[in-house]
Amino acid sequence: MTVTNVNEEPTLSANAKLSVPENTTGTVYTATGSDPENVQLFYTLSGTDAGLFNLDTNTGALSFKSAPDYEAPADAGGNNIYNVNLTANDGSLNSAPQALLISVANVDDANAAPIFTSSSKANVAENSTAVATLMATDADGDTLTYSVTGGADQALFSWTAIVVHLPSLMRQTSKLLGIVIVITLMLLKSPPMTARAIPHR
């Protein structure tokens, strides 16, 4: 009796999940296949986000074409989870696809200082209390908090959220003309903003 070898398809490891930090370059994963006939395997890539990766067809090494940016995800789902499928081929037969989920993790980038977008001057009618509503933006998307941190007249002001209030200004109170307060965003390296509240006469 003669036993004839029948070619069998190669196999890849089970479905895989991995996480890599943003800005990663180089190999993020290497496909590992096996074949009953011990022949050289070649690898192919498919799946939703396959176009964003390079694959070495001989070694199975997978890498991003462009380093991923957590703040600007390029995956189809826009959620920093990249979906690809790896397949091994022995020259005639393919393995079952291996689904690979690659999550990109956030890395704390250098914190950018927030920037005031509201005017540093306010004209205030007499007998009014609301002086100004302050607005600012932050490139990192951080939550901003505000505080009055200086100025010769800061004691005359009260503070509600981002609205500056002043007790009613009377026309006769000339000493209040040109009131100066300093308002600071409480984040790293934020330059203080000087606001001048000028009552109408």
Protein backbone atom coordinates (compact mmCIF):
# COMPACT_ATOMS: atom_id res chain seq x y z
CA MET A 1 0.00 0.00 0.00
CA THR A 2 1.33 3.35 -0.98
CA VAL A 3 0.38 6.43 1.02
CA THR A 4 0.28 9.53 -1.12
CA ASN A 5 0.78 12.88 0.52
CA VAL A 6 -2.08 15.28 0.00
CA ASN A 7 -1.35 18.97 0.27
CA GLU A 8 -3.06 20.55 3.26
CA GLU A 9 -3.73 24.21 3.78
CA PRO A 10 -1.53 26.25 6.12
CA THR A 11 -2.87 27.69 9.34
CA LEU A 12 -2.48 30.95 11.20
CA SER A 13 -2.85 31.60 14.90
CA ALA A 14 -6.29 32.44 16.26
CA ASN A 15 -7.90 35.85 15.92
CA ALA A 16 -5.72 38.50 17.56
CA LYS A 17 -6.09 41.85 19.28
CA LEU A 18 -3.28 44.19 20.15
CA SER A 19 -2.71 47.78 21.23
CA VAL A 20 0.05 50.10 20.08
CA PRO A 21 0.82 53.69 21.15
CA GLU A 22 0.14 56.46 18.67
CA ASN A 23 3.07 57.61 16.51
CA THR A 24 4.32 54.02 16.31
CA THR A 25 6.63 53.26 13.40
CA GLY A 26 8.07 49.92 12.35
CA THR A 27 6.57 46.46 12.77
CA VAL A 28 3.46 46.28 14.92
CA TYR A 29 2.67 42.61 14.35
CA THR A 30 4.18 39.58 12.65
CA ALA A 31 1.93 36.87 11.25
CA THR A 32 3.01 33.36 12.18
CA GLY A 33 1.79 30.49 10.07
CA SER A 34 2.49 26.79 9.90
CA ASP A 35 2.14 24.25 7.12
CA PRO A 36 1.97 20.44 7.35
CA GLU A 37 4.30 20.15 4.38
CA ASN A 38 6.76 22.66 5.87
CA VAL A 39 6.88 24.75 2.70
CA GLN A 40 7.66 28.44 2.50
CA LEU A 41 4.57 30.51 3.27
CA PHE A 42 3.60 33.84 1.77
CA TYR A 43 1.25 36.32 3.39
CA THR A 44 -1.47 38.59 2.04
CA LEU A 45 -3.51 41.36 3.63
CA SER A 46 -7.17 42.31 3.25
CA GLY A 47 -9.89 43.92 5.32
CA THR A 48 -11.43 47.33 5.95
CA ASP A 49 -8.23 49.16 6.85
CA ALA A 50 -5.74 47.11 4.82
CA GLY A 51 -4.80 50.12 2.67
CA LEU A 52 -3.25 51.83 5.69
CA PHE A 53 -0.62 49.11 6.22
CA ASN A 54 2.47 47.64 4.65
CA LEU A 55 2.92 43.86 4.76
CA ASP A 56 6.13 41.97 4.07
CA THR A 57 4.71 39.03 2.15
CA ASN A 58 7.70 36.82 3.01
CA THR A 59 7.97 37.43 6.75
CA GLY A 60 4.41 38.49 7.64
CA ALA A 61 5.68 41.73 9.25
CA LEU A 62 2.91 44.33 9.40
CA SER A 63 3.48 48.07 9.82
CA PHE A 64 1.56 51.33 9.38
CA LYS A 65 2.24 53.23 6.18
CA SER A 66 1.97 56.43 8.21
CA ALA A 67 2.42 56.60 11.96
CA PRO A 68 -1.07 56.64 13.53
CA ASP A 69 -2.32 59.76 15.28
CA TYR A 70 -4.79 59.17 18.11
CA GLU A 71 -6.26 62.66 17.73
CA ALA A 72 -6.88 62.07 14.00
CA PRO A 73 -7.83 58.41 13.55
CA ALA A 74 -7.59 57.16 9.96
CA ASP A 75 -9.43 53.85 10.40
CA ALA A 76 -12.76 53.37 8.66
CA GLY A 77 -14.66 53.45 11.95
CA GLY A 78 -12.91 56.60 13.18
CA ASN A 79 -12.45 54.97 16.60
CA ASN A 80 -8.70 54.16 16.56
CA ILE A 81 -9.39 50.45 16.02
CA TYR A 82 -7.89 49.21 12.76
CA ASN A 83 -9.34 46.04 11.23
CA VAL A 84 -7.33 43.84 8.85
CA ASN A 85 -7.25 40.20 7.82
CA LEU A 86 -4.06 38.17 7.29
CA THR A 87 -3.88 35.07 5.12
CA ALA A 88 -1.04 32.57 4.63
CA ASN A 89 -0.50 30.78 1.29
CA ASP A 90 1.64 27.71 0.63
CA GLY A 91 1.77 28.23 -3.13
CA SER A 92 -1.57 26.66 -3.87
CA LEU A 93 -3.77 26.77 -0.79
CA ASN A 94 -4.75 29.62 1.52
CA SER A 95 -5.21 29.49 5.24
CA ALA A 96 -8.40 30.68 6.85
CA PRO A 97 -8.14 34.47 7.32
CA GLN A 98 -6.86 35.72 10.65
CA ALA A 99 -8.82 38.77 11.85
CA LEU A 100 -6.55 41.30 13.51
CA LEU A 101 -7.77 44.30 15.55
CA ILE A 102 -5.11 46.91 16.21
CA SER A 103 -6.05 49.56 18.78
CA VAL A 104 -4.11 52.82 18.83
CA ALA A 105 -3.60 54.19 22.35
CA ASN A 106 -3.33 57.85 23.23
CA VAL A 107 0.03 59.30 24.22
CA ASP A 108 0.09 62.51 26.23
CA ASP A 109 1.52 64.99 23.74
CA ALA A 110 3.13 68.23 24.84
CA ASN A 111 0.30 70.28 26.31
CA ALA A 112 -0.52 73.39 24.30
CA ALA A 113 -1.51 76.57 26.15
CA PRO A 114 -5.11 77.72 25.72
CA ILE A 115 -5.84 80.93 23.84
CA PHE A 116 -8.40 83.62 24.63
CA THR A 117 -10.74 84.32 21.73
CA SER A 118 -12.79 87.03 23.42
CA SER A 119 -11.81 90.68 23.45
CA SER A 120 -9.58 92.03 26.21
CA LYS A 121 -11.69 95.22 26.41
CA ALA A 122 -15.29 95.72 27.48
CA ASN A 123 -17.45 98.84 27.43
CA VAL A 124 -19.91 98.71 30.31
CA ALA A 125 -22.98 100.90 30.75
CA GLU A 126 -23.49 102.49 34.17
CA ASN A 127 -25.71 100.60 36.61
CA SER A 128 -24.97 97.27 34.89
CA THR A 129 -23.22 94.39 36.60
CA ALA A 130 -22.24 91.98 33.85
CA VAL A 131 -18.92 93.07 32.39
CA ALA A 132 -17.86 90.37 29.96
CA THR A 133 -18.19 86.73 29.01
CA LEU A 134 -14.79 85.18 28.38
CA MET A 135 -14.19 82.61 25.67
CA ALA A 136 -11.08 80.55 24.98
CA THR A 137 -10.01 77.55 22.93
CA ASP A 138 -7.53 74.77 23.60
CA ALA A 139 -5.77 72.76 20.90
CA ASP A 140 -5.72 69.65 23.10
CA GLY A 141 -9.45 69.78 23.77
CA ASP A 142 -8.88 70.07 27.52
CA THR A 143 -11.60 71.41 29.81
CA LEU A 144 -10.75 75.00 30.69
CA THR A 145 -11.19 76.73 34.03
CA TYR A 146 -10.85 80.45 34.65
CA SER A 147 -9.81 82.58 37.60
CA VAL A 148 -9.10 86.20 38.45
CA THR A 149 -5.47 86.29 39.50
CA GLY A 150 -4.45 89.92 39.69
CA GLY A 151 -5.00 93.52 38.77
CA ALA A 152 -5.33 96.60 40.96
CA ASP A 153 -9.15 96.42 40.95
CA GLN A 154 -9.75 92.69 41.19
CA ALA A 155 -11.47 93.03 44.58
CA LEU A 156 -14.33 94.96 42.90
CA PHE A 157 -15.30 91.95 40.78
CA SER A 158 -17.23 88.80 41.39
CA TRP A 159 -16.95 85.69 39.29
CA THR A 160 -19.55 83.29 37.92
CA ALA A 161 -18.29 80.60 35.53
CA ILE A 162 -16.72 82.67 32.76
CA VAL A 163 -18.76 85.85 33.29
CA VAL A 164 -17.11 88.78 35.07
CA HIS A 165 -19.44 90.88 37.26
CA LEU A 166 -18.93 94.28 38.87
CA PRO A 167 -21.17 96.11 41.34
CA SER A 168 -23.26 98.79 39.61
CA LEU A 169 -21.09 101.55 38.21
CA MET A 170 -22.32 105.04 38.93
CA ARG A 171 -21.47 107.96 36.67
CA GLN A 172 -20.01 109.82 39.62
CA THR A 173 -17.58 106.99 40.42
CA SER A 174 -14.89 108.32 38.15
CA LYS A 175 -12.15 106.46 39.98
CA LEU A 176 -13.45 103.23 38.43
CA LEU A 177 -12.73 104.34 34.88
CA GLY A 178 -10.15 102.11 33.28
CA ILE A 179 -10.58 99.24 35.72
CA VAL A 180 -7.98 96.54 35.13
CA ILE A 181 -8.28 92.90 36.05
CA VAL A 182 -6.13 89.94 35.09
CA ILE A 183 -7.84 86.70 34.13
CA THR A 184 -5.85 83.53 33.74
CA LEU A 185 -6.70 80.19 32.16
CA MET A 186 -5.64 77.48 34.60
CA LEU A 187 -3.58 75.31 32.26
CA LEU A 188 0.12 74.92 31.58
CA LYS A 189 1.99 78.01 30.44
CA SER A 190 -1.14 80.06 29.84
CA PRO A 191 -0.35 83.76 29.53
CA PRO A 192 -2.72 85.91 31.63
CA MET A 193 -5.20 88.11 29.81
CA THR A 194 -5.64 91.69 31.00
CA ALA A 195 -9.22 92.89 30.62
CA ARG A 196 -10.15 96.55 30.85
CA ALA A 197 -13.74 97.35 31.81
CA ILE A 198 -14.56 100.93 30.82
CA PRO A 199 -17.91 102.31 32.08
CA HIS A 200 -19.79 104.64 29.74
CA ARG A 201 -19.96 108.19 31.01
